[in-house]
Amino acid sequence: MRIANLAGRLVLVTGHPAEPLAVDVAEASGGRFGPDPMSAFADWAGFRAWAAEVDAQGVGFTRTDLGPPVPRPGQIFAIGINYREHADEAGYPPDSLPVTFTKFASSLTGPEATVELPEGNVDWEVELVVVIGTGGHRIPRDTAWEHIAGLTVGQDLSERVAQLDGQRPQFSLAKSHPGFSPTGPWVVTPDEFADPADLAISCALDGETLQSSRTSRMIYDVPELIARLSAVVTLWPGDIIFSGTPSGIGNARTPKRFIRPGEVLTSTIEGVGELTTRFSG
């Protein structure tokens, strides 16, 4: 199952990913589920059961009408240093607890977005984003996938000057400028993948591939992230987790490279889809 935010309304996405169709959930369910994209998470088990049985004709749509599939998460978690090669390029050993920060919800945008570059050096970080369907505290690793609504593509855009300035870096603020959290194009449930723990992940800037890896190379895989985060906090339905980025970021290159106005960033995850993010000055 794929769900999306189409012009502010919750839709089921059917058909081939190259020619997707949208089924308006509020209309197809006769009002059982509301039009708000967040309404699916209020009763995720009930929504999944209904979606498995629905028989409705979808209609074509334009990708530019897609918003962030989870537009108002209660909590946004972001994980740093979660691929071995990225830990090496950044000069960090892995810690016993994953490096965790947040990205503020005002930075969320959809899969087709134009982002205005702020002052400083803006870097790319393609990430698998995990969406919580059933919340909980102290979730065991072996049942973690049962709590996951689905997966989507994310970019953890980062302004490196503010992030790394001084003795107390500003991870959350430097990563939360308007548009700095593109997500989408939709949320895909784990059962749609042959192996949701091993997906190709990559990003390219103006057609040049800069990051390319597989999610199976995470230091802390998705179940481990769920278990370790929920050991401390309570996860809520509709929360999202940016699960870390592979190697290939601009700040670790020689010479360093950052995004310039007019460039286009394409972020792709196997079995989910891609984001297209354009940049203005």
C-alpha atoms as a PDB file:
ATOM      1  CA  MET A   1       0.000   0.000   0.000  1.00  0.00           C
ATOM      2  CA  ARG A   2       1.092   3.536  -0.778  1.00  0.00           C
ATOM      3  CA  ILE A   3      -0.454   6.628   0.783  1.00  0.00           C
ATOM      4  CA  ALA A   4       0.210  10.244  -0.110  1.00  0.00           C
ATOM      5  CA  ASN A   5      -0.729  13.852   0.552  1.00  0.00           C
ATOM      6  CA  LEU A   6      -2.350  15.156  -2.631  1.00  0.00           C
ATOM      7  CA  ALA A   7      -3.116  18.873  -2.373  1.00  0.00           C
ATOM      8  CA  GLY A   8      -3.688  18.465   1.357  1.00  0.00           C
ATOM      9  CA  ARG A   9      -5.908  15.359   1.104  1.00  0.00           C
ATOM     10  CA  LEU A  10      -5.130  11.782   2.081  1.00  0.00           C
ATOM     11  CA  VAL A  11      -5.051   9.444  -0.921  1.00  0.00           C
ATOM     12  CA  LEU A  12      -4.270   5.829  -1.672  1.00  0.00           C
ATOM     13  CA  VAL A  13      -1.830   5.589  -4.562  1.00  0.00           C
ATOM     14  CA  THR A  14      -2.580   2.771  -6.996  1.00  0.00           C
ATOM     15  CA  GLY A  15      -1.336   1.712 -10.402  1.00  0.00           C
ATOM     16  CA  HIS A  16       2.207   1.596 -11.711  1.00  0.00           C
ATOM     17  CA  PRO A  17       4.639   4.016  -9.983  1.00  0.00           C
ATOM     18  CA  ALA A  18       5.409   5.570 -13.371  1.00  0.00           C
ATOM     19  CA  GLU A  19       1.711   6.311 -13.934  1.00  0.00           C
ATOM     20  CA  PRO A  20       0.200   6.471 -10.439  1.00  0.00           C
ATOM     21  CA  LEU A  21      -3.480   6.979  -9.700  1.00  0.00           C
ATOM     22  CA  ALA A  22      -5.006   8.514  -6.591  1.00  0.00           C
ATOM     23  CA  VAL A  23      -8.034   7.312  -4.611  1.00  0.00           C
ATOM     24  CA  ASP A  24      -9.422   9.992  -2.287  1.00  0.00           C
ATOM     25  CA  VAL A  25      -9.703   8.263   1.094  1.00  0.00           C
ATOM     26  CA  ALA A  26     -12.453  10.437   2.612  1.00  0.00           C
ATOM     27  CA  GLU A  27     -14.682   9.940  -0.415  1.00  0.00           C
ATOM     28  CA  ALA A  28     -13.951   6.225  -0.864  1.00  0.00           C
ATOM     29  CA  SER A  29     -14.478   5.484   2.840  1.00  0.00           C
ATOM     30  CA  GLY A  30     -17.724   7.452   3.050  1.00  0.00           C
ATOM     31  CA  GLY A  31     -16.200   9.670   5.705  1.00  0.00           C
ATOM     32  CA  ARG A  32     -14.927   6.876   7.954  1.00  0.00           C
ATOM     33  CA  PHE A  33     -11.462   8.356   7.483  1.00  0.00           C
ATOM     34  CA  GLY A  34     -11.076  12.083   7.096  1.00  0.00           C
ATOM     35  CA  PRO A  35      -9.334  13.987   4.306  1.00  0.00           C
ATOM     36  CA  ASP A  36      -6.431  15.077   6.521  1.00  0.00           C
ATOM     37  CA  PRO A  37      -3.272  13.087   5.588  1.00  0.00           C
ATOM     38  CA  MET A  38      -2.631  12.583   9.310  1.00  0.00           C
ATOM     39  CA  SER A  39      -5.991  10.849   9.823  1.00  0.00           C
ATOM     40  CA  ALA A  40      -4.646   7.469   8.674  1.00  0.00           C
ATOM     41  CA  PHE A  41      -2.433   7.276  11.764  1.00  0.00           C
ATOM     42  CA  ALA A  42      -5.253   7.829  14.269  1.00  0.00           C
ATOM     43  CA  ASP A  43      -6.340   4.203  13.658  1.00  0.00           C
ATOM     44  CA  TRP A  44      -3.564   2.662  11.626  1.00  0.00           C
ATOM     45  CA  ALA A  45      -4.739  -0.941  12.065  1.00  0.00           C
ATOM     46  CA  GLY A  46      -8.274  -0.019  11.017  1.00  0.00           C
ATOM     47  CA  PHE A  47      -7.031   2.025   8.102  1.00  0.00           C
ATOM     48  CA  ARG A  48      -4.859  -0.821   6.806  1.00  0.00           C
ATOM     49  CA  ALA A  49      -7.747  -3.274   7.056  1.00  0.00           C
ATOM     50  CA  TRP A  50     -10.043  -0.902   5.160  1.00  0.00           C
ATOM     51  CA  ALA A  51      -7.431  -0.132   2.479  1.00  0.00           C
ATOM     52  CA  ALA A  52      -6.874  -3.845   1.835  1.00  0.00           C
ATOM     53  CA  GLU A  53     -10.537  -4.231   0.863  1.00  0.00           C
ATOM     54  CA  VAL A  54     -11.309  -0.949  -0.901  1.00  0.00           C
ATOM     55  CA  ASP A  55     -12.286  -1.183  -4.553  1.00  0.00           C
ATOM     56  CA  ALA A  56     -12.287   2.290  -6.050  1.00  0.00           C
ATOM     57  CA  GLN A  57     -11.178   3.808  -9.327  1.00  0.00           C
ATOM     58  CA  GLY A  58      -8.195   6.096  -9.012  1.00  0.00           C
ATOM     59  CA  VAL A  59      -7.569   9.224 -11.058  1.00  0.00           C
ATOM     60  CA  GLY A  60      -4.373  10.647 -12.489  1.00  0.00           C
ATOM     61  CA  PHE A  61      -2.593  13.490 -10.745  1.00  0.00           C
ATOM     62  CA  THR A  62       0.408  15.785 -11.046  1.00  0.00           C
ATOM     63  CA  ARG A  63       3.462  15.211  -8.855  1.00  0.00           C
ATOM     64  CA  THR A  64       3.748  18.922  -8.140  1.00  0.00           C
ATOM     65  CA  ASP A  65       0.472  18.630  -6.184  1.00  0.00           C
ATOM     66  CA  LEU A  66       2.032  16.169  -3.739  1.00  0.00           C
ATOM     67  CA  GLY A  67       2.915  17.510  -0.301  1.00  0.00           C
ATOM     68  CA  PRO A  68       4.923  15.833   2.457  1.00  0.00           C
ATOM     69  CA  PRO A  69       3.118  12.514   3.055  1.00  0.00           C
ATOM     70  CA  VAL A  70       3.267  13.043   6.827  1.00  0.00           C
ATOM     71  CA  PRO A  71       2.774  16.814   7.066  1.00  0.00           C
ATOM     72  CA  ARG A  72       2.445  17.275  10.843  1.00  0.00           C
ATOM     73  CA  PRO A  73       4.319  14.572  12.742  1.00  0.00           C
ATOM     74  CA  GLY A  74       4.157  14.840  16.499  1.00  0.00           C
ATOM     75  CA  GLN A  75       7.871  14.123  16.708  1.00  0.00           C
ATOM     76  CA  ILE A  76      10.685  14.174  14.163  1.00  0.00           C
ATOM     77  CA  PHE A  77      13.790  12.187  15.038  1.00  0.00           C
ATOM     78  CA  ALA A  78      16.969  12.454  12.999  1.00  0.00           C
ATOM     79  CA  ILE A  79      19.923  10.116  13.291  1.00  0.00           C
ATOM     80  CA  GLY A  80      23.527  11.070  12.619  1.00  0.00           C
ATOM     81  CA  ILE A  81      26.503   8.849  11.784  1.00  0.00           C
ATOM     82  CA  ASN A  82      24.527   5.720  10.903  1.00  0.00           C
ATOM     83  CA  TYR A  83      26.478   4.308   7.943  1.00  0.00           C
ATOM     84  CA  ARG A  84      29.977   2.957   8.494  1.00  0.00           C
ATOM     85  CA  GLU A  85      31.458   4.818   5.513  1.00  0.00           C
ATOM     86  CA  HIS A  86      29.870   8.100   6.629  1.00  0.00           C
ATOM     87  CA  ALA A  87      31.245   7.611  10.148  1.00  0.00           C
ATOM     88  CA  ASP A  88      34.686   7.145   8.625  1.00  0.00           C
ATOM     89  CA  GLU A  89      34.477  10.205   6.353  1.00  0.00           C
ATOM     90  CA  ALA A  90      33.155  12.363   9.211  1.00  0.00           C
ATOM     91  CA  GLY A  91      35.750  11.085  11.661  1.00  0.00           C
ATOM     92  CA  TYR A  92      33.288   9.754  14.250  1.00  0.00           C
ATOM     93  CA  PRO A  93      33.292   6.379  15.964  1.00  0.00           C
ATOM     94  CA  PRO A  94      29.816   4.876  16.463  1.00  0.00           C
ATOM     95  CA  ASP A  95      28.355   5.498  19.927  1.00  0.00           C
ATOM     96  CA  SER A  96      26.385   3.169  22.159  1.00  0.00           C
ATOM     97  CA  LEU A  97      23.319   5.378  21.583  1.00  0.00           C
ATOM     98  CA  PRO A  98      22.704   6.662  18.031  1.00  0.00           C
ATOM     99  CA  VAL A  99      23.442  10.379  17.615  1.00  0.00           C
ATOM    100  CA  THR A 100      19.916  11.846  17.762  1.00  0.00           C
ATOM    101  CA  PHE A 101      18.577  15.335  17.087  1.00  0.00           C
ATOM    102  CA  THR A 102      15.408  16.807  15.583  1.00  0.00           C
ATOM    103  CA  LYS A 103      14.337  18.673  12.481  1.00  0.00           C
ATOM    104  CA  PHE A 104      11.530  21.139  13.104  1.00  0.00           C
ATOM    105  CA  ALA A 105       8.244  20.447  11.336  1.00  0.00           C
ATOM    106  CA  SER A 106       8.209  23.859   9.629  1.00  0.00           C
ATOM    107  CA  SER A 107      11.065  22.590   7.426  1.00  0.00           C
ATOM    108  CA  LEU A 108       8.944  19.829   5.856  1.00  0.00           C
ATOM    109  CA  THR A 109       8.132  20.047   2.162  1.00  0.00           C
ATOM    110  CA  GLY A 110       7.034  17.672  -0.578  1.00  0.00           C
ATOM    111  CA  PRO A 111       8.740  15.630  -3.295  1.00  0.00           C
ATOM    112  CA  GLU A 112       8.703  18.443  -5.888  1.00  0.00           C
ATOM    113  CA  ALA A 113       9.964  21.579  -4.199  1.00  0.00           C
ATOM    114  CA  THR A 114      12.023  24.685  -4.751  1.00  0.00           C
ATOM    115  CA  VAL A 115      14.133  25.632  -1.737  1.00  0.00           C
ATOM    116  CA  GLU A 116      15.649  29.060  -1.223  1.00  0.00           C
ATOM    117  CA  LEU A 117      19.270  28.740  -0.124  1.00  0.00           C
ATOM    118  CA  PRO A 118      20.091  30.671   3.051  1.00  0.00           C
ATOM    119  CA  GLU A 119      23.492  32.203   3.730  1.00  0.00           C
ATOM    120  CA  GLY A 120      26.182  29.631   4.400  1.00  0.00           C
ATOM    121  CA  ASN A 121      27.024  26.248   2.903  1.00  0.00           C
ATOM    122  CA  VAL A 122      24.079  23.931   2.175  1.00  0.00           C
ATOM    123  CA  ASP A 123      24.839  20.229   1.944  1.00  0.00           C
ATOM    124  CA  TRP A 124      22.834  17.162   0.907  1.00  0.00           C
ATOM    125  CA  GLU A 125      22.047  14.016   2.953  1.00  0.00           C
ATOM    126  CA  VAL A 126      19.663  11.487   1.378  1.00  0.00           C
ATOM    127  CA  GLU A 127      17.937   9.359   4.013  1.00  0.00           C
ATOM    128  CA  LEU A 128      15.410   6.587   4.463  1.00  0.00           C
ATOM    129  CA  VAL A 129      12.554   8.032   6.526  1.00  0.00           C
ATOM    130  CA  VAL A 130      10.616   5.652   8.784  1.00  0.00           C
ATOM    131  CA  VAL A 131       6.973   6.432   9.622  1.00  0.00           C
ATOM    132  CA  ILE A 132       5.494   5.090  12.857  1.00  0.00           C
ATOM    133  CA  GLY A 133       2.054   3.472  12.578  1.00  0.00           C
ATOM    134  CA  THR A 134       1.594   2.040  16.070  1.00  0.00           C
ATOM    135  CA  GLY A 135       3.340   3.860  18.884  1.00  0.00           C
ATOM    136  CA  GLY A 136       4.796   2.562  22.086  1.00  0.00           C
ATOM    137  CA  HIS A 137       7.434   2.749  24.782  1.00  0.00           C
ATOM    138  CA  ARG A 138      10.206   0.164  25.139  1.00  0.00           C
ATOM    139  CA  ILE A 139       9.381  -1.564  21.871  1.00  0.00           C
ATOM    140  CA  PRO A 140      11.352  -4.811  21.488  1.00  0.00           C
ATOM    141  CA  ARG A 141      13.636  -5.056  18.501  1.00  0.00           C
ATOM    142  CA  ASP A 142      12.003  -8.285  17.312  1.00  0.00           C
ATOM    143  CA  THR A 143       8.563  -6.638  16.977  1.00  0.00           C
ATOM    144  CA  ALA A 144       9.754  -3.232  15.727  1.00  0.00           C
ATOM    145  CA  TRP A 145       8.587  -3.696  12.111  1.00  0.00           C
ATOM    146  CA  GLU A 146       5.033  -4.272  13.405  1.00  0.00           C
ATOM    147  CA  HIS A 147       5.042  -0.659  14.657  1.00  0.00           C
ATOM    148  CA  ILE A 148       6.091   0.828  11.311  1.00  0.00           C
ATOM    149  CA  ALA A 149       3.475   2.251   8.955  1.00  0.00           C
ATOM    150  CA  GLY A 150       5.900   2.570   6.083  1.00  0.00           C
ATOM    151  CA  LEU A 151       8.971   4.081   4.504  1.00  0.00           C
ATOM    152  CA  THR A 152       9.547   7.181   2.426  1.00  0.00           C
ATOM    153  CA  VAL A 153      12.428   9.178   0.941  1.00  0.00           C
ATOM    154  CA  GLY A 154      13.902  12.146   2.793  1.00  0.00           C
ATOM    155  CA  GLN A 155      16.604  14.764   2.451  1.00  0.00           C
ATOM    156  CA  ASP A 156      18.286  16.113   5.569  1.00  0.00           C
ATOM    157  CA  LEU A 157      19.466  19.376   3.997  1.00  0.00           C
ATOM    158  CA  SER A 158      22.069  20.969   6.231  1.00  0.00           C
ATOM    159  CA  GLU A 159      23.621  24.432   6.472  1.00  0.00           C
ATOM    160  CA  ARG A 160      27.126  23.540   7.622  1.00  0.00           C
ATOM    161  CA  VAL A 161      28.411  26.926   8.864  1.00  0.00           C
ATOM    162  CA  ALA A 162      25.843  27.241  11.670  1.00  0.00           C
ATOM    163  CA  GLN A 163      25.763  23.496  12.276  1.00  0.00           C
ATOM    164  CA  LEU A 164      29.470  23.263  13.044  1.00  0.00           C
ATOM    165  CA  ASP A 165      30.162  26.739  14.463  1.00  0.00           C
ATOM    166  CA  GLY A 166      31.489  27.026  17.995  1.00  0.00           C
ATOM    167  CA  GLN A 167      31.796  24.464  20.759  1.00  0.00           C
ATOM    168  CA  ARG A 168      28.063  23.700  20.796  1.00  0.00           C
ATOM    169  CA  PRO A 169      26.987  22.977  17.205  1.00  0.00           C
ATOM    170  CA  GLN A 170      23.401  23.767  16.155  1.00  0.00           C
ATOM    171  CA  PHE A 171      22.328  20.583  14.403  1.00  0.00           C
ATOM    172  CA  SER A 172      18.561  21.095  14.701  1.00  0.00           C
ATOM    173  CA  LEU A 173      18.436  24.773  13.718  1.00  0.00           C
ATOM    174  CA  ALA A 174      20.950  24.401  10.888  1.00  0.00           C
ATOM    175  CA  LYS A 175      18.872  21.574   9.426  1.00  0.00           C
ATOM    176  CA  SER A 176      15.461  23.270   9.703  1.00  0.00           C
ATOM    177  CA  HIS A 177      15.424  26.214   7.303  1.00  0.00           C
ATOM    178  CA  PRO A 178      12.218  26.370   5.208  1.00  0.00           C
ATOM    179  CA  GLY A 179      12.177  23.420   2.806  1.00  0.00           C
ATOM    180  CA  PHE A 180      15.144  21.674   4.442  1.00  0.00           C
ATOM    181  CA  SER A 181      13.170  18.434   4.989  1.00  0.00           C
ATOM    182  CA  PRO A 182      11.810  17.232   1.624  1.00  0.00           C
ATOM    183  CA  THR A 183       9.928  13.932   1.976  1.00  0.00           C
ATOM    184  CA  GLY A 184       7.872  11.711  -0.292  1.00  0.00           C
ATOM    185  CA  PRO A 185       6.637  11.023  -2.796  1.00  0.00           C
ATOM    186  CA  TRP A 186       4.490   8.675  -0.676  1.00  0.00           C
ATOM    187  CA  VAL A 187       4.664   6.275   2.254  1.00  0.00           C
ATOM    188  CA  VAL A 188       5.109   2.629   1.226  1.00  0.00           C
ATOM    189  CA  THR A 189       4.140  -0.122   3.676  1.00  0.00           C
ATOM    190  CA  PRO A 190       6.871  -2.686   4.522  1.00  0.00           C
ATOM    191  CA  ASP A 191       4.992  -5.579   2.908  1.00  0.00           C
ATOM    192  CA  GLU A 192       5.526  -3.977  -0.525  1.00  0.00           C
ATOM    193  CA  PHE A 193       9.269  -4.728  -0.405  1.00  0.00           C
ATOM    194  CA  ALA A 194      11.053  -8.016  -0.985  1.00  0.00           C
ATOM    195  CA  ASP A 195      13.338  -6.962   1.889  1.00  0.00           C
ATOM    196  CA  PRO A 196      12.589  -3.586   3.518  1.00  0.00           C
ATOM    197  CA  ALA A 197      15.935  -3.749   5.327  1.00  0.00           C
ATOM    198  CA  ASP A 198      18.032  -3.750   2.133  1.00  0.00           C
ATOM    199  CA  LEU A 199      17.168  -0.955  -0.297  1.00  0.00           C
ATOM    200  CA  ALA A 200      19.387   0.958  -2.717  1.00  0.00           C
ATOM    201  CA  ILE A 201      19.689   4.622  -1.691  1.00  0.00           C
ATOM    202  CA  SER A 202      21.294   7.412  -3.707  1.00  0.00           C
ATOM    203  CA  CYS A 203      21.266  11.078  -4.612  1.00  0.00           C
ATOM    204  CA  ALA A 204      22.554  13.099  -7.550  1.00  0.00           C
ATOM    205  CA  LEU A 205      23.168  16.812  -8.057  1.00  0.00           C
ATOM    206  CA  ASP A 206      22.595  18.005 -11.623  1.00  0.00           C
ATOM    207  CA  GLY A 207      22.864  14.387 -12.761  1.00  0.00           C
ATOM    208  CA  GLU A 208      26.138  13.580 -10.956  1.00  0.00           C
ATOM    209  CA  THR A 209      25.725  10.745  -8.450  1.00  0.00           C
ATOM    210  CA  LEU A 210      27.126  11.860  -5.104  1.00  0.00           C
ATOM    211  CA  GLN A 211      25.806   9.228  -2.704  1.00  0.00           C
ATOM    212  CA  SER A 212      25.107   5.569  -3.428  1.00  0.00           C
ATOM    213  CA  SER A 213      24.700   2.800  -0.869  1.00  0.00           C
ATOM    214  CA  ARG A 214      22.209   0.338   0.576  1.00  0.00           C
ATOM    215  CA  THR A 215      20.166   0.665   3.740  1.00  0.00           C
ATOM    216  CA  SER A 216      21.513  -2.708   4.895  1.00  0.00           C
ATOM    217  CA  ARG A 217      24.806  -0.882   5.570  1.00  0.00           C
ATOM    218  CA  MET A 218      23.328   1.044   8.499  1.00  0.00           C
ATOM    219  CA  ILE A 219      25.207   0.727  11.786  1.00  0.00           C
ATOM    220  CA  TYR A 220      21.863   0.765  13.638  1.00  0.00           C
ATOM    221  CA  ASP A 221      19.233  -0.830  11.413  1.00  0.00           C
ATOM    222  CA  VAL A 222      15.571   0.201  11.537  1.00  0.00           C
ATOM    223  CA  PRO A 223      14.493  -2.265  14.283  1.00  0.00           C
ATOM    224  CA  GLU A 224      17.496  -1.226  16.385  1.00  0.00           C
ATOM    225  CA  LEU A 225      16.623   2.461  15.983  1.00  0.00           C
ATOM    226  CA  ILE A 226      13.029   1.779  17.047  1.00  0.00           C
ATOM    227  CA  ALA A 227      14.179  -0.213  20.077  1.00  0.00           C
ATOM    228  CA  ARG A 228      16.794   2.315  21.199  1.00  0.00           C
ATOM    229  CA  LEU A 229      14.684   5.420  20.667  1.00  0.00           C
ATOM    230  CA  SER A 230      11.624   3.915  22.348  1.00  0.00           C
ATOM    231  CA  ALA A 231      13.750   2.786  25.291  1.00  0.00           C
ATOM    232  CA  VAL A 232      13.907   6.495  26.178  1.00  0.00           C
ATOM    233  CA  VAL A 233      10.871   8.194  24.608  1.00  0.00           C
ATOM    234  CA  THR A 234       7.349   7.138  23.716  1.00  0.00           C
ATOM    235  CA  LEU A 235       6.876   6.912  19.961  1.00  0.00           C
ATOM    236  CA  TRP A 236       3.544   8.180  18.639  1.00  0.00           C
ATOM    237  CA  PRO A 237       1.599   7.215  15.506  1.00  0.00           C
ATOM    238  CA  GLY A 238       2.672   9.518  12.685  1.00  0.00           C
ATOM    239  CA  ASP A 239       6.153  10.212  14.096  1.00  0.00           C
ATOM    240  CA  ILE A 240       8.934  10.135  11.523  1.00  0.00           C
ATOM    241  CA  ILE A 241      12.580   9.109  11.804  1.00  0.00           C
ATOM    242  CA  PHE A 242      15.288  10.311   9.415  1.00  0.00           C
ATOM    243  CA  SER A 243      17.526   7.258   9.735  1.00  0.00           C
ATOM    244  CA  GLY A 244      20.919   8.656   8.686  1.00  0.00           C
ATOM    245  CA  THR A 245      22.832   9.230   5.474  1.00  0.00           C
ATOM    246  CA  PRO A 246      25.486   7.271   3.557  1.00  0.00           C
ATOM    247  CA  SER A 247      28.915   8.652   2.671  1.00  0.00           C
ATOM    248  CA  GLY A 248      29.365  11.220  -0.085  1.00  0.00           C
ATOM    249  CA  ILE A 249      28.285  14.466   1.577  1.00  0.00           C
ATOM    250  CA  GLY A 250      29.723  17.711   0.236  1.00  0.00           C
ATOM    251  CA  ASN A 251      31.359  18.767   3.498  1.00  0.00           C
ATOM    252  CA  ALA A 252      33.587  15.666   3.475  1.00  0.00           C
ATOM    253  CA  ARG A 253      34.816  16.120  -0.119  1.00  0.00           C
ATOM    254  CA  THR A 254      38.175  17.555  -1.180  1.00  0.00           C
ATOM    255  CA  PRO A 255      37.593  20.274  -2.142  1.00  0.00           C
ATOM    256  CA  LYS A 256      34.334  20.744  -0.271  1.00  0.00           C
ATOM    257  CA  ARG A 257      31.263  21.122  -2.470  1.00  0.00           C
ATOM    258  CA  PHE A 258      27.936  22.690  -1.606  1.00  0.00           C
ATOM    259  CA  ILE A 259      24.631  23.320  -3.374  1.00  0.00           C
ATOM    260  CA  ARG A 260      24.416  26.379  -5.626  1.00  0.00           C
ATOM    261  CA  PRO A 261      21.378  28.292  -6.905  1.00  0.00           C
ATOM    262  CA  GLY A 262      19.914  26.709 -10.032  1.00  0.00           C
ATOM    263  CA  GLU A 263      21.057  23.177  -9.200  1.00  0.00           C
ATOM    264  CA  VAL A 264      18.665  20.212  -8.965  1.00  0.00           C
ATOM    265  CA  LEU A 265      19.005  17.460  -6.353  1.00  0.00           C
ATOM    266  CA  THR A 266      17.432  14.059  -7.058  1.00  0.00           C
ATOM    267  CA  SER A 267      17.087  11.641  -4.137  1.00  0.00           C
ATOM    268  CA  THR A 268      16.077   8.029  -4.764  1.00  0.00           C
ATOM    269  CA  ILE A 269      15.278   4.932  -2.708  1.00  0.00           C
ATOM    270  CA  GLU A 270      14.575   1.589  -4.357  1.00  0.00           C
ATOM    271  CA  GLY A 271      10.921   0.596  -4.205  1.00  0.00           C
ATOM    272  CA  VAL A 272       9.798   3.984  -2.895  1.00  0.00           C
ATOM    273  CA  GLY A 273      10.558   6.613  -5.522  1.00  0.00           C
ATOM    274  CA  GLU A 274      12.379   9.910  -5.765  1.00  0.00           C
ATOM    275  CA  LEU A 275      12.426  13.524  -4.664  1.00  0.00           C
ATOM    276  CA  THR A 276      13.304  16.385  -6.988  1.00  0.00           C
ATOM    277  CA  THR A 277      14.505  19.462  -5.130  1.00  0.00           C
ATOM    278  CA  ARG A 278      15.423  22.655  -6.968  1.00  0.00           C
ATOM    279  CA  PHE A 279      17.355  25.522  -5.408  1.00  0.00           C
ATOM    280  CA  SER A 280      17.086  29.271  -5.765  1.00  0.00           C
ATOM    281  CA  GLY A 281      19.384  32.010  -4.478  1.00  0.00           C
END
